Amino acid sequence: MQIKNIFFLILFLCTPSFAVEKADQVLVEKAKHKLTLLKNGKVVGSYHVVFGSNPVDHKEQEGDERTPEGFYSLDAKNAKSAYYKSIHISYPNAKDLANAKRKGVSAGSAIMIHGQKNGFAAFEEQTQKFNWTLGCIALKNKDMDDLWNKIDVPTKIEIRP
């Protein structure tokens, strides 16, 4: 009986853990084209990303092709997106809406983190060299798979200039 228990203990201790370490925060640095996943302040993933084709400054209105800056939440996942998977960013927040209202414009919406446009994965090496989205954050599809598995919703996201 003891040998059997020892065998299972050894098997348990020697079996690698296949559990994915989930991030509790996402940090995006636009100037570095970098998305970093953090768990209790420790890096658990890092990816090259691209943005809207007008990446400088905070998104102010629909159609400006800017990626928002500030604190938001990743609040929904869509496995059947027009792009290879997508995770929704909670833009616009109350401040964004008030700013757009003051200017008499729409703040825009549907800002996501996503992979490549469906059908265009073969070009991801080229498309990850320039900013091409309408304001979203884009990754290579394999990186999107990794991110997808390491994120639960909701998760905090900070997007810095």
C-alpha atoms as a PDB file:
ATOM      1  CA  MET A   1       0.000   0.000   0.000  1.00  0.00           C
ATOM      2  CA  GLN A   2       2.788   2.463   0.814  1.00  0.00           C
ATOM      3  CA  ILE A   3       4.626   1.711  -2.439  1.00  0.00           C
ATOM      4  CA  LYS A   4       1.466   2.565  -4.399  1.00  0.00           C
ATOM      5  CA  ASN A   5       1.142   5.892  -2.559  1.00  0.00           C
ATOM      6  CA  ILE A   6       4.810   6.684  -3.149  1.00  0.00           C
ATOM      7  CA  PHE A   7       4.398   5.854  -6.847  1.00  0.00           C
ATOM      8  CA  PHE A   8       1.460   8.293  -7.195  1.00  0.00           C
ATOM      9  CA  LEU A   9       3.333  10.972  -5.256  1.00  0.00           C
ATOM     10  CA  ILE A  10       6.354  10.656  -7.563  1.00  0.00           C
ATOM     11  CA  LEU A  11       4.093  10.658 -10.624  1.00  0.00           C
ATOM     12  CA  PHE A  12       2.319  13.807  -9.342  1.00  0.00           C
ATOM     13  CA  LEU A  13       5.553  15.643  -8.552  1.00  0.00           C
ATOM     14  CA  CYS A  14       7.194  14.739 -11.860  1.00  0.00           C
ATOM     15  CA  THR A  15       4.242  15.532 -14.115  1.00  0.00           C
ATOM     16  CA  PRO A  16       4.549  19.003 -15.673  1.00  0.00           C
ATOM     17  CA  SER A  17       1.746  21.402 -14.996  1.00  0.00           C
ATOM     18  CA  PHE A  18      -0.315  22.199 -18.066  1.00  0.00           C
ATOM     19  CA  ALA A  19      -2.297  24.928 -16.374  1.00  0.00           C
ATOM     20  CA  VAL A  20      -2.081  28.270 -18.163  1.00  0.00           C
ATOM     21  CA  GLU A  21      -1.050  31.160 -15.959  1.00  0.00           C
ATOM     22  CA  LYS A  22      -3.812  33.756 -16.319  1.00  0.00           C
ATOM     23  CA  ALA A  23      -2.939  37.443 -16.469  1.00  0.00           C
ATOM     24  CA  ASP A  24      -4.593  39.914 -14.097  1.00  0.00           C
ATOM     25  CA  GLN A  25      -3.491  43.005 -16.044  1.00  0.00           C
ATOM     26  CA  VAL A  26      -2.584  43.986 -19.593  1.00  0.00           C
ATOM     27  CA  LEU A  27      -0.168  46.815 -20.378  1.00  0.00           C
ATOM     28  CA  VAL A  28       0.040  48.237 -23.901  1.00  0.00           C
ATOM     29  CA  GLU A  29       2.851  50.635 -24.821  1.00  0.00           C
ATOM     30  CA  LYS A  30       2.052  52.192 -28.169  1.00  0.00           C
ATOM     31  CA  ALA A  31       5.482  53.766 -28.735  1.00  0.00           C
ATOM     32  CA  LYS A  32       7.142  50.361 -28.211  1.00  0.00           C
ATOM     33  CA  HIS A  33       4.504  48.393 -30.171  1.00  0.00           C
ATOM     34  CA  LYS A  34       4.313  46.096 -27.169  1.00  0.00           C
ATOM     35  CA  LEU A  35       1.538  44.324 -25.262  1.00  0.00           C
ATOM     36  CA  THR A  36       2.584  42.802 -21.938  1.00  0.00           C
ATOM     37  CA  LEU A  37       0.583  40.408 -19.780  1.00  0.00           C
ATOM     38  CA  LEU A  38       1.130  40.661 -16.030  1.00  0.00           C
ATOM     39  CA  LYS A  39       0.167  38.449 -13.102  1.00  0.00           C
ATOM     40  CA  ASN A  40       0.780  40.068  -9.696  1.00  0.00           C
ATOM     41  CA  GLY A  41       3.288  42.401 -11.386  1.00  0.00           C
ATOM     42  CA  LYS A  42       5.228  39.522 -13.020  1.00  0.00           C
ATOM     43  CA  VAL A  43       5.424  39.275 -16.836  1.00  0.00           C
ATOM     44  CA  VAL A  44       3.628  36.167 -18.126  1.00  0.00           C
ATOM     45  CA  GLY A  45       3.599  37.137 -21.807  1.00  0.00           C
ATOM     46  CA  SER A  46       4.788  39.816 -24.213  1.00  0.00           C
ATOM     47  CA  TYR A  47       3.851  40.425 -27.853  1.00  0.00           C
ATOM     48  CA  HIS A  48       4.558  42.765 -30.741  1.00  0.00           C
ATOM     49  CA  VAL A  49       1.394  44.679 -31.704  1.00  0.00           C
ATOM     50  CA  VAL A  50       0.270  47.296 -34.202  1.00  0.00           C
ATOM     51  CA  PHE A  51      -2.432  49.938 -33.931  1.00  0.00           C
ATOM     52  CA  GLY A  52      -4.678  52.280 -35.836  1.00  0.00           C
ATOM     53  CA  SER A  53      -3.095  53.918 -38.848  1.00  0.00           C
ATOM     54  CA  ASN A  54      -3.052  57.262 -36.976  1.00  0.00           C
ATOM     55  CA  PRO A  55      -1.461  56.000 -33.722  1.00  0.00           C
ATOM     56  CA  VAL A  56      -0.275  59.197 -32.048  1.00  0.00           C
ATOM     57  CA  ASP A  57      -2.502  60.577 -29.287  1.00  0.00           C
ATOM     58  CA  HIS A  58      -5.703  59.310 -27.698  1.00  0.00           C
ATOM     59  CA  LYS A  59      -8.753  58.310 -29.716  1.00  0.00           C
ATOM     60  CA  GLU A  60     -11.182  61.222 -29.745  1.00  0.00           C
ATOM     61  CA  GLN A  61     -13.819  60.329 -32.289  1.00  0.00           C
ATOM     62  CA  GLU A  62     -15.122  57.681 -34.619  1.00  0.00           C
ATOM     63  CA  GLY A  63     -13.041  57.423 -37.784  1.00  0.00           C
ATOM     64  CA  ASP A  64      -9.876  59.094 -36.450  1.00  0.00           C
ATOM     65  CA  GLU A  65      -8.014  55.745 -36.734  1.00  0.00           C
ATOM     66  CA  ARG A  66      -6.428  56.253 -33.314  1.00  0.00           C
ATOM     67  CA  THR A  67      -6.078  53.674 -30.574  1.00  0.00           C
ATOM     68  CA  PRO A  68      -7.376  54.872 -27.192  1.00  0.00           C
ATOM     69  CA  GLU A  69      -5.055  55.579 -24.275  1.00  0.00           C
ATOM     70  CA  GLY A  70      -5.902  55.177 -20.615  1.00  0.00           C
ATOM     71  CA  PHE A  71      -7.479  52.618 -18.305  1.00  0.00           C
ATOM     72  CA  TYR A  72     -10.141  50.253 -19.595  1.00  0.00           C
ATOM     73  CA  SER A  73     -11.321  46.680 -19.175  1.00  0.00           C
ATOM     74  CA  LEU A  74     -11.218  43.678 -21.469  1.00  0.00           C
ATOM     75  CA  ASP A  75     -14.867  42.741 -21.147  1.00  0.00           C
ATOM     76  CA  ALA A  76     -15.849  40.237 -23.864  1.00  0.00           C
ATOM     77  CA  LYS A  77     -14.326  37.593 -26.130  1.00  0.00           C
ATOM     78  CA  ASN A  78     -15.503  36.744 -29.653  1.00  0.00           C
ATOM     79  CA  ALA A  79     -14.153  33.580 -31.266  1.00  0.00           C
ATOM     80  CA  LYS A  80     -16.182  34.228 -34.456  1.00  0.00           C
ATOM     81  CA  SER A  81     -14.945  37.725 -35.223  1.00  0.00           C
ATOM     82  CA  ALA A  82     -14.216  39.127 -38.698  1.00  0.00           C
ATOM     83  CA  TYR A  83     -10.606  39.022 -37.495  1.00  0.00           C
ATOM     84  CA  TYR A  84      -8.832  36.042 -35.950  1.00  0.00           C
ATOM     85  CA  LYS A  85     -10.520  36.108 -32.546  1.00  0.00           C
ATOM     86  CA  SER A  86     -11.185  39.375 -30.741  1.00  0.00           C
ATOM     87  CA  ILE A  87     -11.274  40.681 -27.194  1.00  0.00           C
ATOM     88  CA  HIS A  88     -13.360  43.822 -26.639  1.00  0.00           C
ATOM     89  CA  ILE A  89     -11.861  46.870 -24.892  1.00  0.00           C
ATOM     90  CA  SER A  90     -14.396  48.887 -22.857  1.00  0.00           C
ATOM     91  CA  TYR A  91     -13.798  52.086 -24.862  1.00  0.00           C
ATOM     92  CA  PRO A  92     -15.468  54.579 -24.692  1.00  0.00           C
ATOM     93  CA  ASN A  93     -15.621  55.282 -20.974  1.00  0.00           C
ATOM     94  CA  ALA A  94     -17.573  58.168 -19.384  1.00  0.00           C
ATOM     95  CA  LYS A  95     -14.706  60.632 -19.914  1.00  0.00           C
ATOM     96  CA  ASP A  96     -14.400  59.642 -23.601  1.00  0.00           C
ATOM     97  CA  LEU A  97     -18.150  60.066 -24.110  1.00  0.00           C
ATOM     98  CA  ALA A  98     -18.181  63.469 -22.397  1.00  0.00           C
ATOM     99  CA  ASN A  99     -15.228  64.653 -24.513  1.00  0.00           C
ATOM    100  CA  ALA A 100     -16.919  63.541 -27.739  1.00  0.00           C
ATOM    101  CA  LYS A 101     -20.219  65.139 -26.720  1.00  0.00           C
ATOM    102  CA  ARG A 102     -18.442  68.422 -25.980  1.00  0.00           C
ATOM    103  CA  LYS A 103     -16.963  68.311 -29.495  1.00  0.00           C
ATOM    104  CA  GLY A 104     -20.253  67.279 -31.095  1.00  0.00           C
ATOM    105  CA  VAL A 105     -18.886  63.990 -32.483  1.00  0.00           C
ATOM    106  CA  SER A 106     -19.309  60.260 -31.897  1.00  0.00           C
ATOM    107  CA  ALA A 107     -16.626  58.753 -29.644  1.00  0.00           C
ATOM    108  CA  GLY A 108     -16.608  55.572 -31.725  1.00  0.00           C
ATOM    109  CA  SER A 109     -16.758  52.041 -30.393  1.00  0.00           C
ATOM    110  CA  ALA A 110     -15.850  48.419 -31.156  1.00  0.00           C
ATOM    111  CA  ILE A 111     -12.199  48.771 -30.163  1.00  0.00           C
ATOM    112  CA  MET A 112     -10.674  45.302 -29.922  1.00  0.00           C
ATOM    113  CA  ILE A 113      -7.523  43.313 -29.533  1.00  0.00           C
ATOM    114  CA  HIS A 114      -7.501  40.875 -32.455  1.00  0.00           C
ATOM    115  CA  GLY A 115      -5.445  38.754 -34.805  1.00  0.00           C
ATOM    116  CA  GLN A 116      -5.252  39.131 -38.557  1.00  0.00           C
ATOM    117  CA  LYS A 117      -8.245  39.753 -40.808  1.00  0.00           C
ATOM    118  CA  ASN A 118      -9.763  36.379 -41.632  1.00  0.00           C
ATOM    119  CA  GLY A 119      -8.217  35.037 -44.831  1.00  0.00           C
ATOM    120  CA  PHE A 120      -5.074  37.185 -44.526  1.00  0.00           C
ATOM    121  CA  ALA A 121      -2.966  35.189 -42.036  1.00  0.00           C
ATOM    122  CA  ALA A 122      -0.397  34.446 -44.747  1.00  0.00           C
ATOM    123  CA  PHE A 123       0.497  38.155 -44.788  1.00  0.00           C
ATOM    124  CA  GLU A 124       0.913  38.657 -41.022  1.00  0.00           C
ATOM    125  CA  GLU A 125       4.705  39.065 -41.208  1.00  0.00           C
ATOM    126  CA  GLN A 126       4.148  42.071 -43.478  1.00  0.00           C
ATOM    127  CA  THR A 127       1.072  43.498 -41.750  1.00  0.00           C
ATOM    128  CA  GLN A 128       2.784  43.488 -38.366  1.00  0.00           C
ATOM    129  CA  LYS A 129       5.373  45.977 -39.723  1.00  0.00           C
ATOM    130  CA  PHE A 130       2.964  48.930 -39.962  1.00  0.00           C
ATOM    131  CA  ASN A 131      -0.126  50.347 -38.239  1.00  0.00           C
ATOM    132  CA  TRP A 132      -3.160  49.274 -40.244  1.00  0.00           C
ATOM    133  CA  THR A 133      -6.216  48.921 -38.010  1.00  0.00           C
ATOM    134  CA  LEU A 134      -9.032  51.431 -37.561  1.00  0.00           C
ATOM    135  CA  GLY A 135      -8.024  51.891 -33.913  1.00  0.00           C
ATOM    136  CA  CYS A 136      -7.751  48.325 -32.662  1.00  0.00           C
ATOM    137  CA  ILE A 137      -4.679  46.460 -31.408  1.00  0.00           C
ATOM    138  CA  ALA A 138      -3.541  43.658 -33.745  1.00  0.00           C
ATOM    139  CA  LEU A 139      -1.236  40.678 -33.167  1.00  0.00           C
ATOM    140  CA  LYS A 140      -0.064  37.655 -35.127  1.00  0.00           C
ATOM    141  CA  ASN A 141      -2.603  34.835 -34.929  1.00  0.00           C
ATOM    142  CA  LYS A 142      -0.354  32.526 -32.888  1.00  0.00           C
ATOM    143  CA  ASP A 143       0.178  35.367 -30.406  1.00  0.00           C
ATOM    144  CA  MET A 144      -3.574  35.942 -30.317  1.00  0.00           C
ATOM    145  CA  ASP A 145      -4.059  32.273 -29.399  1.00  0.00           C
ATOM    146  CA  ASP A 146      -1.611  32.633 -26.521  1.00  0.00           C
ATOM    147  CA  LEU A 147      -3.196  35.898 -25.342  1.00  0.00           C
ATOM    148  CA  TRP A 148      -6.690  34.383 -25.645  1.00  0.00           C
ATOM    149  CA  ASN A 149      -5.703  31.502 -23.349  1.00  0.00           C
ATOM    150  CA  LYS A 150      -4.085  33.780 -20.760  1.00  0.00           C
ATOM    151  CA  ILE A 151      -6.954  36.284 -20.472  1.00  0.00           C
ATOM    152  CA  ASP A 152     -10.242  35.885 -18.673  1.00  0.00           C
ATOM    153  CA  VAL A 153     -12.849  38.611 -18.846  1.00  0.00           C
ATOM    154  CA  PRO A 154     -12.950  41.011 -17.230  1.00  0.00           C
ATOM    155  CA  THR A 155      -9.246  41.924 -17.078  1.00  0.00           C
ATOM    156  CA  LYS A 156      -7.818  45.429 -16.586  1.00  0.00           C
ATOM    157  CA  ILE A 157      -5.941  47.014 -19.481  1.00  0.00           C
ATOM    158  CA  GLU A 158      -3.805  50.156 -19.512  1.00  0.00           C
ATOM    159  CA  ILE A 159      -2.886  51.653 -22.881  1.00  0.00           C
ATOM    160  CA  ARG A 160       0.018  54.106 -22.743  1.00  0.00           C
ATOM    161  CA  PRO A 161       1.269  56.479 -25.464  1.00  0.00           C
END
